Amino acid sequence: MPTRTSTPTETARRAPRPDDTKPYVLIVEARYYQDISDGLLAGAKAALDKAGAGHEVVQVPGALEIPAAIRIAVRSMDFVGLRRRFDGYVALGCVIKGGTYHFEVVANESARGLMHVAHEHTLAVGNGILTCYTQDQARERADPARGDKGGEAARACLAMIELKQLFGVFPR
């Protein structure tokens, strides 16, 4: 867990929000490769459940849509005042190399889009978008009993939530 020395004023400023006893995370799942997505989602949910974090899941068609879905979720909080903001986001999906340049476009732009939305809005994001050469590689990485990349993405998100809490940066 990240730590640093702080003054009493800083400690008070970083106190948890009253409605916030456990992290609340949005999982955005691309369903293009459904069997691979199932493994990623199982790993992410298990990691969040183990940490006691609440979560919701939304589905999008493919990896390119994930950054936009996160941005839409962030923007929706400007209009739905009664809903609790998400503390973090987990992006799950898979891009498998084919015979064209499309793989590079989707892999690069989905990663760039995630970084852009995370930086623009100071979001805690765990990137679980697999970029693989074969479906066998993707299945191995997605399987919670082997690669557990979904679980890794969820744990990365939780670590970034802790970092935001350390510095007093909370969702509004």
N, C-alpha and C. Protein backbone atom coordinates (compact mmCIF):
# COMPACT_ATOMS: atom_id res chain seq x y z
N MET A 1 0.85 -1.18 0.00
CA MET A 1 0.00 0.00 0.00
C MET A 1 0.89 1.24 0.00
N PRO A 2 0.61 2.24 -0.86
CA PRO A 2 1.41 3.45 -0.87
C PRO A 2 1.25 4.21 0.44
N THR A 3 2.33 4.75 0.94
CA THR A 3 2.27 5.55 2.16
C THR A 3 3.15 6.76 2.02
N ARG A 4 2.89 7.76 2.83
CA ARG A 4 3.76 8.92 2.94
C ARG A 4 3.45 9.61 4.26
N THR A 5 4.39 10.38 4.76
CA THR A 5 4.19 11.12 5.99
C THR A 5 3.28 12.30 5.70
N SER A 6 2.36 12.60 6.62
CA SER A 6 1.43 13.70 6.38
C SER A 6 1.17 14.46 7.66
N THR A 7 0.69 15.68 7.50
CA THR A 7 0.30 16.51 8.63
C THR A 7 -1.14 16.16 9.00
N PRO A 8 -1.61 16.56 10.19
CA PRO A 8 -3.01 16.29 10.56
C PRO A 8 -4.01 16.89 9.56
N THR A 9 -3.70 18.06 9.01
CA THR A 9 -4.59 18.68 8.03
C THR A 9 -4.70 17.82 6.79
N GLU A 10 -3.57 17.32 6.31
CA GLU A 10 -3.60 16.46 5.13
C GLU A 10 -4.36 15.18 5.41
N THR A 11 -4.20 14.63 6.60
CA THR A 11 -4.89 13.40 6.95
C THR A 11 -6.40 13.63 6.96
N ALA A 12 -6.85 14.73 7.52
CA ALA A 12 -8.28 15.04 7.56
C ALA A 12 -8.83 15.23 6.15
N ARG A 13 -8.06 15.88 5.29
CA ARG A 13 -8.50 16.13 3.92
C ARG A 13 -8.65 14.81 3.16
N ARG A 14 -7.86 13.82 3.48
CA ARG A 14 -7.89 12.54 2.77
C ARG A 14 -8.83 11.53 3.41
N ALA A 15 -9.59 11.95 4.40
CA ALA A 15 -10.50 11.01 5.05
C ALA A 15 -11.49 10.45 4.04
N PRO A 16 -11.90 9.20 4.20
CA PRO A 16 -12.85 8.61 3.25
C PRO A 16 -14.15 9.39 3.19
N ARG A 17 -14.76 9.39 2.03
CA ARG A 17 -16.07 10.03 1.87
C ARG A 17 -17.09 9.27 2.70
N PRO A 18 -18.11 9.93 3.21
CA PRO A 18 -19.10 9.26 4.07
C PRO A 18 -19.76 8.06 3.41
N ASP A 19 -19.99 8.11 2.10
CA ASP A 19 -20.68 7.01 1.41
C ASP A 19 -19.70 5.96 0.91
N ASP A 20 -18.47 6.03 1.37
CA ASP A 20 -17.40 5.26 0.74
C ASP A 20 -16.68 4.39 1.75
N THR A 21 -17.20 3.19 1.97
CA THR A 21 -16.48 2.28 2.85
C THR A 21 -15.61 1.32 2.05
N LYS A 22 -16.04 1.00 0.85
CA LYS A 22 -15.29 0.10 -0.03
C LYS A 22 -15.26 0.71 -1.43
N PRO A 23 -14.23 0.40 -2.20
CA PRO A 23 -14.19 0.92 -3.58
C PRO A 23 -15.37 0.40 -4.41
N TYR A 24 -15.77 1.22 -5.36
CA TYR A 24 -16.86 0.89 -6.27
C TYR A 24 -16.34 1.05 -7.69
N VAL A 25 -16.33 -0.03 -8.47
CA VAL A 25 -15.61 -0.08 -9.74
C VAL A 25 -16.56 -0.43 -10.89
N LEU A 26 -16.35 0.23 -12.02
CA LEU A 26 -17.07 -0.13 -13.24
C LEU A 26 -16.15 -0.99 -14.10
N ILE A 27 -16.63 -2.17 -14.45
CA ILE A 27 -15.92 -3.04 -15.39
C ILE A 27 -16.54 -2.82 -16.76
N VAL A 28 -15.71 -2.44 -17.73
CA VAL A 28 -16.18 -2.29 -19.11
C VAL A 28 -15.59 -3.45 -19.90
N GLU A 29 -16.47 -4.29 -20.40
CA GLU A 29 -16.06 -5.54 -21.02
C GLU A 29 -16.42 -5.56 -22.51
N ALA A 30 -15.40 -5.74 -23.36
CA ALA A 30 -15.63 -5.92 -24.79
C ALA A 30 -15.92 -7.40 -25.03
N ARG A 31 -17.00 -7.69 -25.73
CA ARG A 31 -17.46 -9.07 -25.90
C ARG A 31 -17.10 -9.66 -27.26
N TYR A 32 -16.18 -9.06 -28.00
CA TYR A 32 -15.87 -9.52 -29.36
C TYR A 32 -15.44 -10.99 -29.36
N TYR A 33 -14.56 -11.36 -28.44
CA TYR A 33 -14.16 -12.76 -28.25
C TYR A 33 -14.79 -13.23 -26.94
N GLN A 34 -15.99 -13.77 -27.01
CA GLN A 34 -16.78 -14.02 -25.81
C GLN A 34 -16.14 -15.00 -24.84
N ASP A 35 -15.56 -16.08 -25.34
CA ASP A 35 -14.96 -17.07 -24.43
C ASP A 35 -13.77 -16.46 -23.69
N ILE A 36 -13.01 -15.63 -24.36
CA ILE A 36 -11.86 -14.97 -23.73
C ILE A 36 -12.35 -13.92 -22.74
N SER A 37 -13.38 -13.18 -23.13
CA SER A 37 -13.96 -12.17 -22.23
C SER A 37 -14.50 -12.80 -20.96
N ASP A 38 -15.09 -13.99 -21.08
CA ASP A 38 -15.62 -14.67 -19.90
C ASP A 38 -14.52 -14.92 -18.87
N GLY A 39 -13.35 -15.36 -19.33
CA GLY A 39 -12.23 -15.61 -18.42
C GLY A 39 -11.72 -14.33 -17.79
N LEU A 40 -11.59 -13.28 -18.59
CA LEU A 40 -11.13 -11.99 -18.06
C LEU A 40 -12.09 -11.47 -17.00
N LEU A 41 -13.39 -11.55 -17.29
CA LEU A 41 -14.39 -11.06 -16.36
C LEU A 41 -14.40 -11.87 -15.06
N ALA A 42 -14.28 -13.18 -15.17
CA ALA A 42 -14.25 -14.02 -13.96
C ALA A 42 -13.07 -13.64 -13.07
N GLY A 43 -11.91 -13.42 -13.66
CA GLY A 43 -10.73 -13.03 -12.89
C GLY A 43 -10.88 -11.67 -12.24
N ALA A 44 -11.43 -10.71 -12.99
CA ALA A 44 -11.62 -9.36 -12.45
C ALA A 44 -12.62 -9.37 -11.30
N LYS A 45 -13.75 -10.05 -11.49
CA LYS A 45 -14.75 -10.11 -10.42
C LYS A 45 -14.19 -10.78 -9.17
N ALA A 46 -13.44 -11.86 -9.35
CA ALA A 46 -12.86 -12.55 -8.19
C ALA A 46 -11.91 -11.64 -7.43
N ALA A 47 -11.09 -10.88 -8.14
CA ALA A 47 -10.14 -9.98 -7.48
C ALA A 47 -10.88 -8.86 -6.74
N LEU A 48 -11.91 -8.31 -7.36
CA LEU A 48 -12.67 -7.24 -6.71
C LEU A 48 -13.44 -7.77 -5.51
N ASP A 49 -14.05 -8.95 -5.66
CA ASP A 49 -14.78 -9.56 -4.54
C ASP A 49 -13.84 -9.84 -3.37
N LYS A 50 -12.65 -10.35 -3.67
CA LYS A 50 -11.67 -10.64 -2.62
C LYS A 50 -11.29 -9.37 -1.86
N ALA A 51 -11.23 -8.24 -2.57
CA ALA A 51 -10.87 -6.96 -1.95
C ALA A 51 -12.08 -6.29 -1.29
N GLY A 52 -13.26 -6.88 -1.44
CA GLY A 52 -14.46 -6.29 -0.86
C GLY A 52 -14.98 -5.11 -1.65
N ALA A 53 -14.58 -4.98 -2.90
CA ALA A 53 -15.01 -3.86 -3.73
C ALA A 53 -16.32 -4.19 -4.43
N GLY A 54 -17.20 -3.20 -4.50
CA GLY A 54 -18.42 -3.34 -5.28
C GLY A 54 -18.12 -3.10 -6.75
N HIS A 55 -18.98 -3.62 -7.62
CA HIS A 55 -18.72 -3.40 -9.05
C HIS A 55 -19.99 -3.53 -9.86
N GLU A 56 -19.97 -2.88 -11.01
CA GLU A 56 -20.99 -3.03 -12.05
C GLU A 56 -20.25 -3.42 -13.32
N VAL A 57 -20.96 -4.06 -14.23
CA VAL A 57 -20.39 -4.47 -15.51
C VAL A 57 -21.24 -3.91 -16.63
N VAL A 58 -20.57 -3.29 -17.61
CA VAL A 58 -21.23 -2.91 -18.86
C VAL A 58 -20.47 -3.56 -19.99
N GLN A 59 -21.19 -3.85 -21.06
CA GLN A 59 -20.57 -4.52 -22.20
C GLN A 59 -20.58 -3.60 -23.42
N VAL A 60 -19.51 -3.69 -24.19
CA VAL A 60 -19.38 -2.96 -25.45
C VAL A 60 -18.96 -3.96 -26.52
N PRO A 61 -19.15 -3.61 -27.80
CA PRO A 61 -18.83 -4.58 -28.85
C PRO A 61 -17.36 -4.98 -28.93
N GLY A 62 -16.45 -4.01 -28.86
CA GLY A 62 -15.03 -4.31 -29.04
C GLY A 62 -14.14 -3.40 -28.23
N ALA A 63 -12.84 -3.65 -28.31
CA ALA A 63 -11.86 -2.92 -27.51
C ALA A 63 -11.83 -1.43 -27.82
N LEU A 64 -12.06 -1.04 -29.06
CA LEU A 64 -12.03 0.38 -29.41
C LEU A 64 -13.12 1.18 -28.70
N GLU A 65 -14.20 0.52 -28.33
CA GLU A 65 -15.31 1.22 -27.68
C GLU A 65 -15.11 1.40 -26.17
N ILE A 66 -14.15 0.72 -25.59
CA ILE A 66 -13.97 0.77 -24.13
C ILE A 66 -13.65 2.18 -23.63
N PRO A 67 -12.66 2.89 -24.19
CA PRO A 67 -12.39 4.24 -23.68
C PRO A 67 -13.60 5.17 -23.76
N ALA A 68 -14.36 5.08 -24.85
CA ALA A 68 -15.56 5.92 -24.99
C ALA A 68 -16.59 5.55 -23.92
N ALA A 69 -16.75 4.27 -23.63
CA ALA A 69 -17.71 3.85 -22.61
C ALA A 69 -17.32 4.40 -21.24
N ILE A 70 -16.03 4.39 -20.93
CA ILE A 70 -15.58 4.95 -19.65
C ILE A 70 -15.86 6.45 -19.61
N ARG A 71 -15.60 7.14 -20.70
CA ARG A 71 -15.85 8.58 -20.77
C ARG A 71 -17.34 8.87 -20.62
N ILE A 72 -18.18 8.06 -21.24
CA ILE A 72 -19.63 8.23 -21.10
C ILE A 72 -20.04 8.04 -19.64
N ALA A 73 -19.49 7.03 -18.98
CA ALA A 73 -19.82 6.79 -17.56
C ALA A 73 -19.41 7.98 -16.70
N VAL A 74 -18.23 8.53 -16.96
CA VAL A 74 -17.77 9.70 -16.20
C VAL A 74 -18.70 10.88 -16.46
N ARG A 75 -19.02 11.10 -17.71
CA ARG A 75 -19.87 12.24 -18.09
C ARG A 75 -21.29 12.07 -17.54
N SER A 76 -21.78 10.85 -17.44
CA SER A 76 -23.14 10.63 -16.96
C SER A 76 -23.32 11.12 -15.53
N MET A 77 -22.26 11.15 -14.77
CA MET A 77 -22.37 11.59 -13.39
C MET A 77 -22.67 13.09 -13.29
N ASP A 78 -22.42 13.82 -14.36
CA ASP A 78 -22.78 15.24 -14.38
C ASP A 78 -24.29 15.41 -14.44
N PHE A 79 -25.01 14.38 -14.90
CA PHE A 79 -26.45 14.48 -15.10
C PHE A 79 -27.25 13.67 -14.09
N VAL A 80 -26.65 12.66 -13.51
CA VAL A 80 -27.35 11.79 -12.56
C VAL A 80 -26.75 12.03 -11.18
N GLY A 81 -27.24 13.03 -10.50
CA GLY A 81 -26.66 13.44 -9.23
C GLY A 81 -26.85 12.46 -8.10
N LEU A 82 -27.84 11.60 -8.18
CA LEU A 82 -28.12 10.67 -7.09
C LEU A 82 -27.27 9.41 -7.14
N ARG A 83 -26.60 9.19 -8.24
CA ARG A 83 -25.82 7.97 -8.40
C ARG A 83 -24.40 8.17 -7.87
N ARG A 84 -23.89 7.18 -7.22
CA ARG A 84 -22.52 7.24 -6.72
C ARG A 84 -21.53 7.15 -7.88
N ARG A 85 -20.52 7.97 -7.83
CA ARG A 85 -19.47 7.91 -8.85
C ARG A 85 -18.63 6.66 -8.65
N PHE A 86 -18.07 6.19 -9.73
CA PHE A 86 -17.17 5.05 -9.65
C PHE A 86 -15.81 5.52 -9.16
N ASP A 87 -15.20 4.71 -8.30
CA ASP A 87 -13.85 5.02 -7.81
C ASP A 87 -12.80 4.61 -8.83
N GLY A 88 -13.13 3.63 -9.66
CA GLY A 88 -12.17 3.17 -10.65
C GLY A 88 -12.86 2.41 -11.77
N TYR A 89 -12.05 2.07 -12.77
CA TYR A 89 -12.55 1.43 -13.98
C TYR A 89 -11.61 0.31 -14.38
N VAL A 90 -12.20 -0.81 -14.81
CA VAL A 90 -11.41 -1.94 -15.31
C VAL A 90 -11.83 -2.18 -16.76
N ALA A 91 -10.86 -2.13 -17.65
CA ALA A 91 -11.10 -2.35 -19.08
C ALA A 91 -10.72 -3.78 -19.43
N LEU A 92 -11.66 -4.53 -19.99
CA LEU A 92 -11.41 -5.93 -20.35
C LEU A 92 -11.78 -6.17 -21.80
N GLY A 93 -10.88 -6.79 -22.52
CA GLY A 93 -11.14 -7.11 -23.92
C GLY A 93 -9.95 -7.83 -24.52
N CYS A 94 -10.05 -8.10 -25.80
CA CYS A 94 -8.99 -8.84 -26.46
C CYS A 94 -8.87 -8.41 -27.92
N VAL A 95 -7.63 -8.25 -28.37
CA VAL A 95 -7.34 -7.96 -29.76
C VAL A 95 -6.36 -9.04 -30.22
N ILE A 96 -6.72 -9.76 -31.29
CA ILE A 96 -5.87 -10.84 -31.79
C ILE A 96 -5.40 -10.48 -33.19
N LYS A 97 -4.12 -10.67 -33.41
CA LYS A 97 -3.50 -10.30 -34.69
C LYS A 97 -4.09 -11.12 -35.82
N GLY A 98 -4.47 -10.40 -36.85
CA GLY A 98 -4.94 -11.03 -38.08
C GLY A 98 -3.96 -10.73 -39.20
N GLY A 99 -4.44 -10.75 -40.40
CA GLY A 99 -3.57 -10.56 -41.55
C GLY A 99 -3.46 -9.12 -42.02
N THR A 100 -4.09 -8.18 -41.31
CA THR A 100 -4.06 -6.79 -41.74
C THR A 100 -3.54 -5.88 -40.63
N TYR A 101 -3.42 -4.62 -40.96
CA TYR A 101 -2.94 -3.59 -40.03
C TYR A 101 -3.97 -3.27 -38.95
N HIS A 102 -5.18 -3.77 -39.08
CA HIS A 102 -6.25 -3.46 -38.13
C HIS A 102 -5.86 -3.79 -36.69
N PHE A 103 -5.13 -4.87 -36.48
CA PHE A 103 -4.67 -5.25 -35.14
C PHE A 103 -3.92 -4.11 -34.48
N GLU A 104 -2.96 -3.53 -35.19
CA GLU A 104 -2.15 -2.45 -34.64
C GLU A 104 -3.01 -1.23 -34.31
N VAL A 105 -3.94 -0.91 -35.20
CA VAL A 105 -4.82 0.24 -34.96
C VAL A 105 -5.64 0.03 -33.69
N VAL A 106 -6.30 -1.11 -33.58
CA VAL A 106 -7.16 -1.36 -32.43
C VAL A 106 -6.34 -1.47 -31.15
N ALA A 107 -5.23 -2.19 -31.18
CA ALA A 107 -4.39 -2.33 -29.99
C ALA A 107 -3.85 -0.98 -29.53
N ASN A 108 -3.28 -0.23 -30.45
CA ASN A 108 -2.68 1.06 -30.09
C ASN A 108 -3.72 2.09 -29.67
N GLU A 109 -4.80 2.19 -30.42
CA GLU A 109 -5.79 3.23 -30.12
C GLU A 109 -6.61 2.92 -28.87
N SER A 110 -6.86 1.67 -28.57
CA SER A 110 -7.58 1.37 -27.33
C SER A 110 -6.70 1.71 -26.13
N ALA A 111 -5.41 1.39 -26.20
CA ALA A 111 -4.49 1.75 -25.11
C ALA A 111 -4.33 3.26 -25.00
N ARG A 112 -4.19 3.93 -26.12
CA ARG A 112 -4.05 5.39 -26.11
C ARG A 112 -5.32 6.03 -25.54
N GLY A 113 -6.47 5.52 -25.96
CA GLY A 113 -7.73 6.06 -25.46
C GLY A 113 -7.89 5.88 -23.96
N LEU A 114 -7.49 4.73 -23.44
CA LEU A 114 -7.56 4.52 -21.99
C LEU A 114 -6.65 5.49 -21.25
N MET A 115 -5.43 5.64 -21.74
CA MET A 115 -4.50 6.56 -21.08
C MET A 115 -5.01 8.00 -21.17
N HIS A 116 -5.59 8.36 -22.29
CA HIS A 116 -6.10 9.72 -22.45
C HIS A 116 -7.22 10.00 -21.45
N VAL A 117 -8.21 9.11 -21.37
CA VAL A 117 -9.33 9.34 -20.47
C VAL A 117 -8.87 9.29 -19.01
N ALA A 118 -7.92 8.42 -18.69
CA ALA A 118 -7.39 8.35 -17.32
C ALA A 118 -6.67 9.64 -16.95
N HIS A 119 -5.86 10.16 -17.86
CA HIS A 119 -5.12 11.40 -17.59
C HIS A 119 -6.05 12.60 -17.56
N GLU A 120 -6.97 12.68 -18.51
CA GLU A 120 -7.87 13.83 -18.62
C GLU A 120 -8.75 13.98 -17.39
N HIS A 121 -9.18 12.86 -16.81
CA HIS A 121 -10.13 12.91 -15.70
C HIS A 121 -9.56 12.37 -14.39
N THR A 122 -8.28 12.13 -14.33
CA THR A 122 -7.61 11.60 -13.13
C THR A 122 -8.33 10.35 -12.63
N LEU A 123 -8.45 9.38 -13.50
CA LEU A 123 -9.17 8.14 -13.18
C LEU A 123 -8.21 7.02 -12.81
N ALA A 124 -8.69 6.15 -11.95
CA ALA A 124 -7.97 4.91 -11.64
C ALA A 124 -8.46 3.86 -12.64
N VAL A 125 -7.58 3.47 -13.56
CA VAL A 125 -7.96 2.53 -14.62
C VAL A 125 -7.01 1.34 -14.62
N GLY A 126 -7.58 0.15 -14.66
CA GLY A 126 -6.80 -1.07 -14.85
C GLY A 126 -7.02 -1.57 -16.26
N ASN A 127 -5.95 -1.71 -17.02
CA ASN A 127 -6.05 -2.11 -18.42
C ASN A 127 -5.91 -3.62 -18.56
N GLY A 128 -7.01 -4.27 -18.86
CA GLY A 128 -7.01 -5.70 -19.10
C GLY A 128 -7.38 -6.03 -20.54
N ILE A 129 -6.96 -5.17 -21.47
CA ILE A 129 -7.18 -5.45 -22.88
C ILE A 129 -5.98 -6.26 -23.38
N LEU A 130 -6.21 -7.52 -23.69
CA LEU A 130 -5.14 -8.39 -24.17
C LEU A 130 -4.83 -8.07 -25.62
N THR A 131 -3.56 -8.10 -25.96
CA THR A 131 -3.12 -7.97 -27.36
C THR A 131 -2.25 -9.18 -27.64
N CYS A 132 -2.80 -10.12 -28.40
CA CYS A 132 -2.15 -11.42 -28.58
C CYS A 132 -2.03 -11.78 -30.06
N TYR A 133 -1.13 -12.71 -30.33
CA TYR A 133 -0.95 -13.20 -31.70
C TYR A 133 -1.90 -14.33 -32.04
N THR A 134 -2.34 -15.09 -31.03
CA THR A 134 -3.21 -16.23 -31.29
C THR A 134 -4.31 -16.32 -30.24
N GLN A 135 -5.37 -17.03 -30.58
CA GLN A 135 -6.44 -17.25 -29.60
C GLN A 135 -5.95 -18.11 -28.44
N ASP A 136 -5.04 -19.04 -28.70
CA ASP A 136 -4.49 -19.85 -27.61
C ASP A 136 -3.76 -18.98 -26.60
N GLN A 137 -2.95 -18.03 -27.07
CA GLN A 137 -2.27 -17.10 -26.16
C GLN A 137 -3.30 -16.32 -25.35
N ALA A 138 -4.33 -15.84 -26.01
CA ALA A 138 -5.35 -15.04 -25.33
C ALA A 138 -6.09 -15.87 -24.28
N ARG A 139 -6.45 -17.09 -24.62
CA ARG A 139 -7.16 -17.95 -23.65
C ARG A 139 -6.30 -18.21 -22.41
N GLU A 140 -5.01 -18.46 -22.62
CA GLU A 140 -4.12 -18.71 -21.49
C GLU A 140 -4.03 -17.48 -20.59
N ARG A 141 -3.89 -16.31 -21.18
CA ARG A 141 -3.76 -15.07 -20.40
C ARG A 141 -5.07 -14.70 -19.70
N ALA A 142 -6.20 -15.03 -20.32
CA ALA A 142 -7.50 -14.69 -19.75
C ALA A 142 -7.91 -15.64 -18.63
N ASP A 143 -7.46 -16.86 -18.67
CA ASP A 143 -7.85 -17.90 -17.71
C ASP A 143 -7.42 -17.49 -16.30
N PRO A 144 -8.37 -17.35 -15.37
CA PRO A 144 -8.01 -16.96 -14.00
C PRO A 144 -7.04 -17.93 -13.32
N ALA A 145 -7.02 -19.20 -13.75
CA ALA A 145 -6.13 -20.19 -13.14
C ALA A 145 -4.73 -20.16 -13.74
N ARG A 146 -4.55 -19.43 -14.84
CA ARG A 146 -3.22 -19.39 -15.48
C ARG A 146 -2.71 -17.95 -15.54
N GLY A 147 -3.09 -17.19 -16.54
CA GLY A 147 -2.56 -15.84 -16.69
C GLY A 147 -3.23 -14.80 -15.82
N ASP A 148 -4.52 -14.95 -15.61
CA ASP A 148 -5.36 -14.07 -14.78
C ASP A 148 -5.16 -12.58 -15.07
N LYS A 149 -5.15 -12.21 -16.34
CA LYS A 149 -4.97 -10.80 -16.70
C LYS A 149 -6.17 -9.95 -16.30
N GLY A 150 -7.35 -10.54 -16.21
CA GLY A 150 -8.51 -9.80 -15.71
C GLY A 150 -8.33 -9.44 -14.24
N GLY A 151 -7.86 -10.42 -13.46
CA GLY A 151 -7.57 -10.16 -12.05
C GLY A 151 -6.47 -9.14 -11.88
N GLU A 152 -5.43 -9.22 -12.72
CA GLU A 152 -4.34 -8.24 -12.65
C GLU A 152 -4.85 -6.83 -12.93
N ALA A 153 -5.72 -6.69 -13.92
CA ALA A 153 -6.27 -5.37 -14.24
C ALA A 153 -7.09 -4.82 -13.07
N ALA A 154 -7.88 -5.68 -12.43
CA ALA A 154 -8.67 -5.25 -11.28
C ALA A 154 -7.77 -4.84 -10.12
N ARG A 155 -6.72 -5.61 -9.88
CA ARG A 155 -5.79 -5.25 -8.79
C ARG A 155 -5.04 -3.95 -9.10
N ALA A 156 -4.71 -3.73 -10.36
CA ALA A 156 -4.06 -2.47 -10.74
C ALA A 156 -5.01 -1.29 -10.50
N CYS A 157 -6.27 -1.47 -10.85
CA CYS A 157 -7.27 -0.44 -10.60
C CYS A 157 -7.37 -0.13 -9.11
N LEU A 158 -7.44 -1.16 -8.28
CA LEU A 158 -7.53 -0.97 -6.83
C LEU A 158 -6.29 -0.26 -6.28
N ALA A 159 -5.12 -0.58 -6.82
CA ALA A 159 -3.88 0.09 -6.38
C ALA A 159 -3.93 1.57 -6.74
N MET A 160 -4.47 1.89 -7.90
CA MET A 160 -4.56 3.30 -8.30
C MET A 160 -5.62 4.04 -7.47
N ILE A 161 -6.68 3.35 -7.07
CA ILE A 161 -7.66 3.95 -6.16
C ILE A 161 -6.98 4.30 -4.84
N GLU A 162 -6.16 3.38 -4.33
CA GLU A 162 -5.41 3.65 -3.09
C GLU A 162 -4.50 4.86 -3.25
N LEU A 163 -3.85 4.97 -4.39
CA LEU A 163 -2.97 6.11 -4.65
C LEU A 163 -3.78 7.41 -4.67
N LYS A 164 -4.94 7.39 -5.30
CA LYS A 164 -5.80 8.58 -5.30
C LYS A 164 -6.21 8.94 -3.88
N GLN A 165 -6.53 7.94 -3.07
CA GLN A 165 -6.90 8.20 -1.68
C GLN A 165 -5.73 8.79 -0.90
N LEU A 166 -4.54 8.28 -1.16
CA LEU A 166 -3.34 8.78 -0.49
C LEU A 166 -3.16 10.28 -0.73
N PHE A 167 -3.44 10.71 -1.94
CA PHE A 167 -3.26 12.12 -2.29
C PHE A 167 -4.54 12.94 -2.21
N GLY A 168 -5.62 12.35 -1.71
CA GLY A 168 -6.86 13.09 -1.50
C GLY A 168 -7.61 13.42 -2.77
N VAL A 169 -7.47 12.59 -3.79
CA VAL A 169 -8.17 12.82 -5.06
C VAL A 169 -9.33 11.83 -5.13
N PHE A 170 -10.54 12.32 -4.88
CA PHE A 170 -11.72 11.46 -4.86
C PHE A 170 -12.67 11.85 -5.97
N PRO A 171 -13.48 10.92 -6.46
CA PRO A 171 -14.54 11.30 -7.40
C PRO A 171 -15.52 12.24 -6.73
N ARG A 172 -16.08 13.14 -7.50
CA ARG A 172 -17.08 14.07 -6.93
C ARG A 172 -18.47 13.55 -7.13
